[in-house]
N, C-alpha and C. Protein backbone atom coordinates (compact mmCIF):
# COMPACT_ATOMS: atom_id res chain seq x y z
N UNK A 1 19.21 37.53 22.83
CA UNK A 1 19.52 36.50 23.82
C UNK A 1 18.21 36.05 24.46
N UNK A 2 17.95 34.71 24.48
CA UNK A 2 16.69 34.24 25.04
C UNK A 2 16.65 34.46 26.56
N UNK A 3 15.45 34.77 27.03
CA UNK A 3 15.28 34.92 28.47
C UNK A 3 15.18 33.54 29.11
N UNK A 4 15.18 33.52 30.46
CA UNK A 4 15.08 32.24 31.16
C UNK A 4 13.80 31.51 30.78
N UNK A 5 12.71 32.25 30.66
CA UNK A 5 11.45 31.64 30.25
C UNK A 5 11.52 31.06 28.86
N UNK A 6 12.23 31.75 27.96
CA UNK A 6 12.39 31.24 26.60
C UNK A 6 13.14 29.92 26.59
N UNK A 7 14.22 29.83 27.37
CA UNK A 7 15.00 28.59 27.38
C UNK A 7 14.18 27.46 28.00
N UNK A 8 13.34 27.78 28.98
CA UNK A 8 12.46 26.75 29.54
C UNK A 8 11.49 26.25 28.48
N UNK A 9 10.96 27.16 27.68
CA UNK A 9 10.04 26.77 26.62
C UNK A 9 10.75 25.92 25.57
N UNK A 10 11.98 26.27 25.26
CA UNK A 10 12.76 25.49 24.28
C UNK A 10 12.99 24.08 24.82
N UNK A 11 13.39 23.98 26.07
CA UNK A 11 13.64 22.66 26.67
C UNK A 11 12.35 21.85 26.70
N UNK A 12 11.25 22.48 27.11
CA UNK A 12 9.98 21.76 27.17
C UNK A 12 9.56 21.30 25.78
N UNK A 13 9.74 22.15 24.79
CA UNK A 13 9.39 21.79 23.41
C UNK A 13 10.25 20.63 22.92
N UNK A 14 11.54 20.65 23.26
CA UNK A 14 12.43 19.55 22.87
C UNK A 14 11.97 18.25 23.52
N UNK A 15 11.54 18.34 24.77
CA UNK A 15 11.03 17.16 25.48
C UNK A 15 9.79 16.62 24.77
N UNK A 16 8.82 17.50 24.50
CA UNK A 16 7.60 17.06 23.83
C UNK A 16 7.89 16.49 22.45
N UNK A 17 8.81 17.12 21.72
CA UNK A 17 9.19 16.60 20.40
C UNK A 17 9.77 15.20 20.51
N UNK A 18 10.64 14.99 21.51
CA UNK A 18 11.26 13.67 21.69
C UNK A 18 10.22 12.62 22.04
N UNK A 19 9.27 12.97 22.90
CA UNK A 19 8.20 12.02 23.27
C UNK A 19 7.36 11.70 22.04
N UNK A 20 6.99 12.73 21.28
CA UNK A 20 6.21 12.50 20.07
C UNK A 20 6.93 11.65 19.05
N UNK A 21 8.21 11.92 18.86
CA UNK A 21 9.01 11.15 17.90
C UNK A 21 9.14 9.69 18.34
N UNK A 22 9.29 9.48 19.64
CA UNK A 22 9.36 8.11 20.16
C UNK A 22 8.04 7.38 19.90
N UNK A 23 6.92 8.08 20.06
CA UNK A 23 5.63 7.48 19.77
C UNK A 23 5.48 7.12 18.30
N UNK A 24 5.94 8.01 17.43
CA UNK A 24 5.90 7.71 15.99
C UNK A 24 6.77 6.50 15.65
N UNK A 25 7.96 6.45 16.23
CA UNK A 25 8.87 5.33 15.97
C UNK A 25 8.28 4.03 16.50
N UNK A 26 7.62 4.09 17.66
CA UNK A 26 7.00 2.89 18.23
C UNK A 26 5.88 2.38 17.33
N UNK A 27 5.04 3.29 16.84
CA UNK A 27 3.97 2.88 15.94
C UNK A 27 4.54 2.23 14.70
N UNK A 28 5.56 2.86 14.13
CA UNK A 28 6.19 2.32 12.93
C UNK A 28 6.78 0.93 13.20
N UNK A 29 7.46 0.78 14.33
CA UNK A 29 8.08 -0.51 14.66
C UNK A 29 7.03 -1.61 14.84
N UNK A 30 5.85 -1.23 15.32
CA UNK A 30 4.77 -2.20 15.51
C UNK A 30 3.99 -2.44 14.23
N UNK A 31 4.28 -1.66 13.19
CA UNK A 31 3.55 -1.80 11.93
C UNK A 31 2.16 -1.18 11.99
N UNK A 32 1.99 -0.17 12.84
CA UNK A 32 0.70 0.47 13.03
C UNK A 32 0.77 1.95 12.69
N UNK A 33 -0.39 2.53 12.44
CA UNK A 33 -0.49 3.99 12.32
C UNK A 33 -0.50 4.56 13.73
N UNK A 34 -0.23 5.83 13.86
CA UNK A 34 -0.13 6.43 15.20
C UNK A 34 -1.44 6.33 15.98
N UNK A 35 -2.58 6.50 15.32
CA UNK A 35 -3.85 6.39 16.04
C UNK A 35 -4.07 4.96 16.52
N UNK A 36 -3.64 3.98 15.74
CA UNK A 36 -3.75 2.58 16.16
C UNK A 36 -2.83 2.30 17.34
N UNK A 37 -1.60 2.82 17.28
CA UNK A 37 -0.65 2.63 18.37
C UNK A 37 -1.17 3.26 19.65
N UNK A 38 -1.73 4.47 19.53
CA UNK A 38 -2.27 5.15 20.70
C UNK A 38 -3.41 4.34 21.30
N UNK A 39 -4.33 3.87 20.46
CA UNK A 39 -5.45 3.06 20.95
C UNK A 39 -4.94 1.79 21.60
N UNK A 40 -3.97 1.15 20.99
CA UNK A 40 -3.41 -0.07 21.56
C UNK A 40 -2.77 0.20 22.91
N UNK A 41 -2.08 1.33 23.04
CA UNK A 41 -1.47 1.64 24.33
C UNK A 41 -2.53 1.87 25.40
N UNK A 42 -3.66 2.46 25.02
CA UNK A 42 -4.77 2.63 25.97
C UNK A 42 -5.34 1.28 26.40
N UNK A 43 -5.55 0.41 25.43
CA UNK A 43 -6.10 -0.92 25.72
C UNK A 43 -5.13 -1.69 26.62
N UNK A 44 -3.86 -1.66 26.29
CA UNK A 44 -2.86 -2.39 27.08
C UNK A 44 -2.78 -1.83 28.49
N UNK A 45 -2.84 -0.52 28.65
CA UNK A 45 -2.74 0.10 29.97
C UNK A 45 -3.95 -0.25 30.83
N UNK A 46 -5.15 -0.16 30.24
CA UNK A 46 -6.38 -0.38 31.01
C UNK A 46 -6.77 -1.85 31.08
N UNK A 47 -6.19 -2.69 30.24
CA UNK A 47 -6.53 -4.11 30.24
C UNK A 47 -7.69 -4.39 29.31
N UNK A 48 -8.77 -3.67 29.49
CA UNK A 48 -9.93 -3.75 28.59
C UNK A 48 -10.57 -2.37 28.52
N UNK A 49 -11.18 -2.10 27.39
CA UNK A 49 -11.99 -0.90 27.22
C UNK A 49 -13.16 -1.26 26.33
N UNK A 50 -14.30 -0.66 26.59
CA UNK A 50 -15.41 -0.85 25.66
C UNK A 50 -15.08 -0.06 24.40
N UNK A 51 -15.73 -0.42 23.31
CA UNK A 51 -15.48 0.33 22.08
C UNK A 51 -15.90 1.79 22.25
N UNK A 52 -16.94 2.05 23.02
CA UNK A 52 -17.37 3.42 23.29
C UNK A 52 -16.34 4.20 24.10
N UNK A 53 -15.76 3.54 25.12
CA UNK A 53 -14.72 4.19 25.91
C UNK A 53 -13.51 4.50 25.04
N UNK A 54 -13.17 3.57 24.17
CA UNK A 54 -12.03 3.78 23.27
C UNK A 54 -12.30 4.97 22.34
N UNK A 55 -13.52 5.06 21.83
CA UNK A 55 -13.88 6.18 20.97
C UNK A 55 -13.75 7.50 21.73
N UNK A 56 -14.23 7.53 22.96
CA UNK A 56 -14.16 8.75 23.76
C UNK A 56 -12.71 9.14 24.04
N UNK A 57 -11.90 8.18 24.42
CA UNK A 57 -10.51 8.47 24.78
C UNK A 57 -9.66 8.88 23.57
N UNK A 58 -9.97 8.34 22.41
CA UNK A 58 -9.19 8.69 21.21
C UNK A 58 -9.76 9.90 20.48
N UNK A 59 -11.02 10.23 20.77
CA UNK A 59 -11.65 11.34 20.06
C UNK A 59 -12.15 10.95 18.68
N UNK A 60 -12.19 9.66 18.40
CA UNK A 60 -12.67 9.19 17.10
C UNK A 60 -14.17 8.97 17.14
N UNK A 61 -14.80 8.98 15.99
CA UNK A 61 -16.21 8.63 15.92
C UNK A 61 -16.36 7.14 16.19
N UNK A 62 -17.58 6.70 16.45
CA UNK A 62 -17.78 5.27 16.71
C UNK A 62 -17.46 4.45 15.46
N UNK A 63 -17.80 4.97 14.29
CA UNK A 63 -17.48 4.25 13.05
C UNK A 63 -15.98 4.13 12.84
N UNK A 64 -15.26 5.22 13.06
CA UNK A 64 -13.79 5.19 12.91
C UNK A 64 -13.18 4.26 13.95
N UNK A 65 -13.75 4.24 15.14
CA UNK A 65 -13.24 3.35 16.19
C UNK A 65 -13.46 1.89 15.81
N UNK A 66 -14.60 1.58 15.23
CA UNK A 66 -14.87 0.21 14.78
C UNK A 66 -13.83 -0.21 13.76
N UNK A 67 -13.53 0.66 12.81
CA UNK A 67 -12.52 0.33 11.79
C UNK A 67 -11.13 0.20 12.42
N UNK A 68 -10.82 1.04 13.40
CA UNK A 68 -9.54 0.95 14.09
C UNK A 68 -9.41 -0.39 14.81
N UNK A 69 -10.47 -0.80 15.50
CA UNK A 69 -10.46 -2.10 16.20
C UNK A 69 -10.29 -3.23 15.19
N UNK A 70 -10.97 -3.13 14.05
CA UNK A 70 -10.80 -4.13 12.99
C UNK A 70 -9.32 -4.26 12.61
N UNK A 71 -8.64 -3.12 12.44
CA UNK A 71 -7.23 -3.14 12.05
C UNK A 71 -6.36 -3.73 13.16
N UNK A 72 -6.65 -3.41 14.42
CA UNK A 72 -5.88 -3.99 15.52
C UNK A 72 -6.09 -5.50 15.60
N UNK A 73 -7.31 -5.95 15.31
CA UNK A 73 -7.57 -7.39 15.29
C UNK A 73 -6.79 -8.06 14.16
N UNK A 74 -6.84 -7.48 12.96
CA UNK A 74 -6.12 -8.06 11.82
C UNK A 74 -4.62 -8.10 12.07
N UNK A 75 -4.10 -7.10 12.79
CA UNK A 75 -2.66 -7.06 13.09
C UNK A 75 -2.29 -7.99 14.24
N UNK A 76 -3.30 -8.61 14.87
CA UNK A 76 -3.03 -9.56 15.94
C UNK A 76 -2.71 -8.93 17.29
N UNK A 77 -3.16 -7.70 17.51
CA UNK A 77 -2.89 -7.02 18.78
C UNK A 77 -4.07 -7.03 19.75
N UNK A 78 -5.29 -7.09 19.23
CA UNK A 78 -6.47 -6.96 20.09
C UNK A 78 -7.57 -7.88 19.59
N UNK A 79 -8.55 -8.06 20.47
CA UNK A 79 -9.73 -8.84 20.08
C UNK A 79 -10.95 -8.25 20.77
N UNK A 80 -12.08 -8.52 20.16
CA UNK A 80 -13.36 -8.10 20.72
C UNK A 80 -13.93 -9.27 21.53
N UNK A 81 -14.55 -8.92 22.64
CA UNK A 81 -15.29 -9.92 23.41
C UNK A 81 -16.60 -9.27 23.85
N UNK A 82 -17.57 -10.10 24.14
CA UNK A 82 -18.85 -9.58 24.63
C UNK A 82 -18.69 -9.21 26.10
N UNK A 83 -19.29 -8.12 26.49
CA UNK A 83 -19.30 -7.72 27.90
C UNK A 83 -20.18 -8.71 28.65
N UNK A 84 -19.64 -9.39 29.68
CA UNK A 84 -20.45 -10.38 30.39
C UNK A 84 -21.65 -9.77 31.12
N UNK A 85 -21.59 -8.47 31.41
CA UNK A 85 -22.68 -7.81 32.13
C UNK A 85 -23.69 -7.14 31.20
N UNK A 86 -23.32 -6.92 29.96
CA UNK A 86 -24.19 -6.24 29.00
C UNK A 86 -23.83 -6.73 27.61
N UNK A 87 -24.62 -7.67 27.09
CA UNK A 87 -24.29 -8.30 25.82
C UNK A 87 -24.30 -7.33 24.65
N UNK A 88 -24.87 -6.14 24.83
CA UNK A 88 -24.88 -5.15 23.75
C UNK A 88 -23.53 -4.44 23.63
N UNK A 89 -22.75 -4.49 24.69
CA UNK A 89 -21.45 -3.79 24.70
C UNK A 89 -20.35 -4.70 24.20
N UNK A 90 -19.42 -4.12 23.49
CA UNK A 90 -18.25 -4.85 23.01
C UNK A 90 -17.05 -4.39 23.83
N UNK A 91 -16.30 -5.35 24.32
CA UNK A 91 -15.08 -5.07 25.08
C UNK A 91 -13.90 -5.36 24.17
N UNK A 92 -12.93 -4.50 24.19
CA UNK A 92 -11.70 -4.70 23.41
C UNK A 92 -10.59 -4.97 24.40
N UNK A 93 -9.84 -6.03 24.14
CA UNK A 93 -8.74 -6.39 25.04
C UNK A 93 -7.53 -6.79 24.22
N UNK A 94 -6.34 -6.65 24.81
CA UNK A 94 -5.14 -7.09 24.08
C UNK A 94 -5.11 -8.61 24.01
N UNK A 95 -4.62 -9.16 22.91
CA UNK A 95 -4.42 -10.61 22.86
C UNK A 95 -3.23 -10.94 23.75
N UNK A 96 -3.15 -12.18 24.26
CA UNK A 96 -2.10 -12.50 25.23
C UNK A 96 -0.68 -12.14 24.81
N UNK A 97 -0.30 -12.41 23.59
CA UNK A 97 1.09 -12.11 23.21
C UNK A 97 1.31 -10.64 22.83
N UNK A 98 0.23 -9.86 22.76
CA UNK A 98 0.37 -8.45 22.38
C UNK A 98 1.17 -7.67 23.41
N UNK A 99 0.96 -7.97 24.69
CA UNK A 99 1.67 -7.21 25.72
C UNK A 99 3.18 -7.41 25.60
N UNK A 100 3.61 -8.62 25.29
CA UNK A 100 5.04 -8.87 25.07
C UNK A 100 5.55 -8.14 23.84
N UNK A 101 4.74 -8.12 22.79
CA UNK A 101 5.14 -7.41 21.57
C UNK A 101 5.22 -5.90 21.82
N UNK A 102 4.30 -5.38 22.61
CA UNK A 102 4.32 -3.95 22.95
C UNK A 102 5.56 -3.65 23.77
N UNK A 103 5.84 -4.47 24.76
CA UNK A 103 7.01 -4.25 25.61
C UNK A 103 8.30 -4.29 24.80
N UNK A 104 8.34 -5.17 23.82
CA UNK A 104 9.51 -5.24 22.94
C UNK A 104 9.73 -3.91 22.21
N UNK A 105 8.64 -3.28 21.81
CA UNK A 105 8.73 -2.00 21.09
C UNK A 105 9.12 -0.87 22.04
N UNK A 106 8.49 -0.81 23.21
CA UNK A 106 8.73 0.32 24.12
C UNK A 106 9.89 0.09 25.07
N UNK A 107 10.45 -1.10 25.07
CA UNK A 107 11.56 -1.42 25.97
C UNK A 107 12.71 -0.43 25.92
N UNK A 108 13.19 -0.05 24.74
CA UNK A 108 14.29 0.92 24.70
C UNK A 108 13.94 2.25 25.38
N UNK A 109 12.74 2.75 25.16
CA UNK A 109 12.35 4.01 25.81
C UNK A 109 12.30 3.84 27.31
N UNK A 110 11.72 2.74 27.78
CA UNK A 110 11.67 2.50 29.23
C UNK A 110 13.08 2.45 29.81
N UNK A 111 13.97 1.76 29.13
CA UNK A 111 15.34 1.60 29.62
C UNK A 111 16.06 2.95 29.68
N UNK A 112 15.96 3.73 28.62
CA UNK A 112 16.65 5.03 28.58
C UNK A 112 16.09 5.99 29.63
N UNK A 113 14.78 6.01 29.78
CA UNK A 113 14.17 6.90 30.78
C UNK A 113 14.54 6.43 32.19
N UNK A 114 14.57 5.13 32.42
CA UNK A 114 14.98 4.62 33.74
C UNK A 114 16.41 5.04 34.07
N UNK A 115 17.28 5.05 33.05
CA UNK A 115 18.66 5.50 33.27
C UNK A 115 18.69 6.97 33.66
N UNK A 116 17.85 7.78 33.05
CA UNK A 116 17.79 9.21 33.41
C UNK A 116 17.26 9.36 34.83
N UNK A 117 16.18 8.67 35.15
CA UNK A 117 15.58 8.79 36.48
C UNK A 117 16.51 8.31 37.58
N UNK A 118 17.39 7.38 37.26
CA UNK A 118 18.32 6.85 38.27
C UNK A 118 19.26 7.92 38.80
N UNK A 119 19.44 9.01 38.06
CA UNK A 119 20.33 10.09 38.49
C UNK A 119 19.66 11.05 39.47
N UNK A 120 18.38 10.88 39.72
CA UNK A 120 17.65 11.78 40.61
C UNK A 120 17.48 11.14 41.99
N UNK A 121 17.42 11.98 42.99
CA UNK A 121 17.15 11.50 44.35
C UNK A 121 15.68 11.10 44.44
N UNK A 122 15.31 10.33 45.46
CA UNK A 122 13.89 10.00 45.62
C UNK A 122 13.01 11.25 45.71
N UNK A 123 13.50 12.29 46.36
CA UNK A 123 12.72 13.53 46.48
C UNK A 123 12.55 14.20 45.11
N UNK A 124 13.60 14.20 44.32
CA UNK A 124 13.51 14.80 42.98
C UNK A 124 12.56 14.00 42.10
N UNK A 125 12.62 12.66 42.20
CA UNK A 125 11.70 11.82 41.42
C UNK A 125 10.26 12.08 41.86
N UNK A 126 10.06 12.25 43.16
CA UNK A 126 8.71 12.55 43.66
C UNK A 126 8.19 13.85 43.03
N UNK A 127 9.05 14.84 42.92
CA UNK A 127 8.66 16.11 42.31
C UNK A 127 8.34 15.91 40.82
N UNK A 128 9.17 15.14 40.13
CA UNK A 128 8.90 14.87 38.72
C UNK A 128 7.55 14.17 38.54
N UNK A 129 7.29 13.17 39.36
CA UNK A 129 6.04 12.42 39.22
C UNK A 129 4.84 13.24 39.69
N UNK A 130 5.06 14.17 40.61
CA UNK A 130 4.00 15.10 40.97
C UNK A 130 3.65 15.96 39.75
N UNK A 131 4.69 16.42 39.05
CA UNK A 131 4.45 17.19 37.83
C UNK A 131 3.66 16.36 36.82
N UNK A 132 4.08 15.11 36.58
CA UNK A 132 3.37 14.26 35.62
C UNK A 132 1.90 14.10 36.02
N UNK A 133 1.65 13.88 37.31
CA UNK A 133 0.28 13.69 37.80
C UNK A 133 -0.55 14.95 37.59
N UNK A 134 0.06 16.11 37.75
CA UNK A 134 -0.67 17.36 37.57
C UNK A 134 -0.77 17.76 36.09
N UNK A 135 0.25 17.46 35.32
CA UNK A 135 0.27 17.86 33.92
C UNK A 135 -0.68 17.02 33.07
N UNK A 136 -0.86 15.75 33.41
CA UNK A 136 -1.73 14.89 32.60
C UNK A 136 -3.14 15.46 32.50
N UNK A 137 -3.79 15.83 33.61
CA UNK A 137 -5.13 16.43 33.46
C UNK A 137 -5.10 17.77 32.71
N UNK A 138 -4.01 18.51 32.85
CA UNK A 138 -3.90 19.78 32.12
C UNK A 138 -3.84 19.52 30.61
N UNK A 139 -3.08 18.52 30.20
CA UNK A 139 -3.02 18.17 28.78
C UNK A 139 -4.38 17.65 28.29
N UNK A 140 -5.08 16.85 29.13
CA UNK A 140 -6.40 16.37 28.73
C UNK A 140 -7.38 17.53 28.58
N UNK A 141 -7.32 18.50 29.50
CA UNK A 141 -8.20 19.67 29.40
C UNK A 141 -7.89 20.46 28.13
N UNK A 142 -6.61 20.62 27.82
CA UNK A 142 -6.22 21.32 26.60
C UNK A 142 -6.72 20.57 25.37
N UNK A 143 -6.63 19.25 25.41
CA UNK A 143 -7.12 18.42 24.30
C UNK A 143 -8.60 18.64 24.09
N UNK A 144 -9.37 18.66 25.18
CA UNK A 144 -10.82 18.88 25.06
C UNK A 144 -11.12 20.26 24.49
N UNK A 145 -10.37 21.27 24.93
CA UNK A 145 -10.55 22.62 24.38
C UNK A 145 -10.28 22.65 22.89
N UNK A 146 -9.19 22.02 22.49
CA UNK A 146 -8.81 21.98 21.08
C UNK A 146 -9.89 21.27 20.26
N UNK A 147 -10.36 20.13 20.77
CA UNK A 147 -11.39 19.38 20.04
C UNK A 147 -12.69 20.16 19.96
N UNK A 148 -13.07 20.82 21.05
CA UNK A 148 -14.31 21.60 21.04
C UNK A 148 -14.20 22.76 20.05
N UNK A 149 -13.07 23.42 20.03
CA UNK A 149 -12.87 24.53 19.09
C UNK A 149 -12.91 24.01 17.66
N UNK A 150 -12.23 22.89 17.42
CA UNK A 150 -12.22 22.32 16.06
C UNK A 150 -13.63 21.92 15.63
N UNK A 151 -14.40 21.33 16.56
CA UNK A 151 -15.77 20.94 16.22
C UNK A 151 -16.61 22.17 15.92
N UNK A 152 -16.41 23.24 16.69
CA UNK A 152 -17.13 24.49 16.43
C UNK A 152 -16.77 25.08 15.09
N UNK A 153 -15.49 25.01 14.75
CA UNK A 153 -15.05 25.51 13.45
C UNK A 153 -15.68 24.71 12.32
N UNK A 154 -15.75 23.39 12.50
CA UNK A 154 -16.36 22.55 11.46
C UNK A 154 -17.85 22.86 11.32
N UNK A 155 -18.54 23.07 12.45
CA UNK A 155 -19.98 23.39 12.39
C UNK A 155 -20.21 24.76 11.79
N UNK A 156 -19.28 25.69 12.01
CA UNK A 156 -19.44 27.06 11.53
C UNK A 156 -19.20 27.22 10.05
N UNK A 157 -18.59 26.24 9.45
CA UNK A 157 -18.33 26.32 8.01
C UNK A 157 -19.63 26.13 7.25
N UNK A 158 -19.81 26.93 6.27
CA UNK A 158 -20.98 26.73 5.41
C UNK A 158 -20.49 26.35 4.03
N UNK A 159 -21.22 25.51 3.43
CA UNK A 159 -20.87 25.08 2.08
C UNK A 159 -21.28 26.18 1.11
N UNK A 160 -20.34 26.56 0.31
CA UNK A 160 -20.63 27.60 -0.68
C UNK A 160 -21.39 26.97 -1.83
N UNK A 161 -22.49 27.59 -2.12
CA UNK A 161 -23.27 27.10 -3.25
C UNK A 161 -23.28 28.17 -4.32
N UNK A 162 -23.55 27.75 -5.50
CA UNK A 162 -23.63 28.70 -6.62
C UNK A 162 -24.84 29.59 -6.42
N UNK A 163 -24.71 30.87 -6.75
CA UNK A 163 -25.87 31.76 -6.62
C UNK A 163 -26.96 31.33 -7.59
N UNK A 164 -28.21 31.60 -7.21
CA UNK A 164 -29.30 31.22 -8.12
C UNK A 164 -29.19 32.00 -9.43
N UNK A 165 -29.60 31.37 -10.49
CA UNK A 165 -29.53 32.01 -11.82
C UNK A 165 -30.76 32.76 -12.13
């Protein structure tokens, strides 16, 4: 019989699975890969991001980020503009109709979550949003730990070569 902590872990895992699945479905509905959808959601949320900021936030290399931006441009979701304060920097922004297209994709999730939140009192919602505010940095810290460990593992690998004859 699972303990109370076990059932909490099961519920939390089900929640994370549902959020992840919704993200996958959203990317598919937009005709994008998940990394492209994630980058697009960052751009849409922030309004604009430099290509370097986008690389940092996604954890991609600058070369991979350049190719990702190329794909978002070809799909009609984003465009590059020159930074008015620093012509060496490239700013990525959503194209005007992209925000409507994004909302069309995420609308069902927003609607269903709003229906769930409507059942909570203002105090309960405040507690939920306090959790979200505190959990977001915790997830970012975990992400950085995971990336650092993965980078260390990649650096620690040695290529096996044939022994000298």
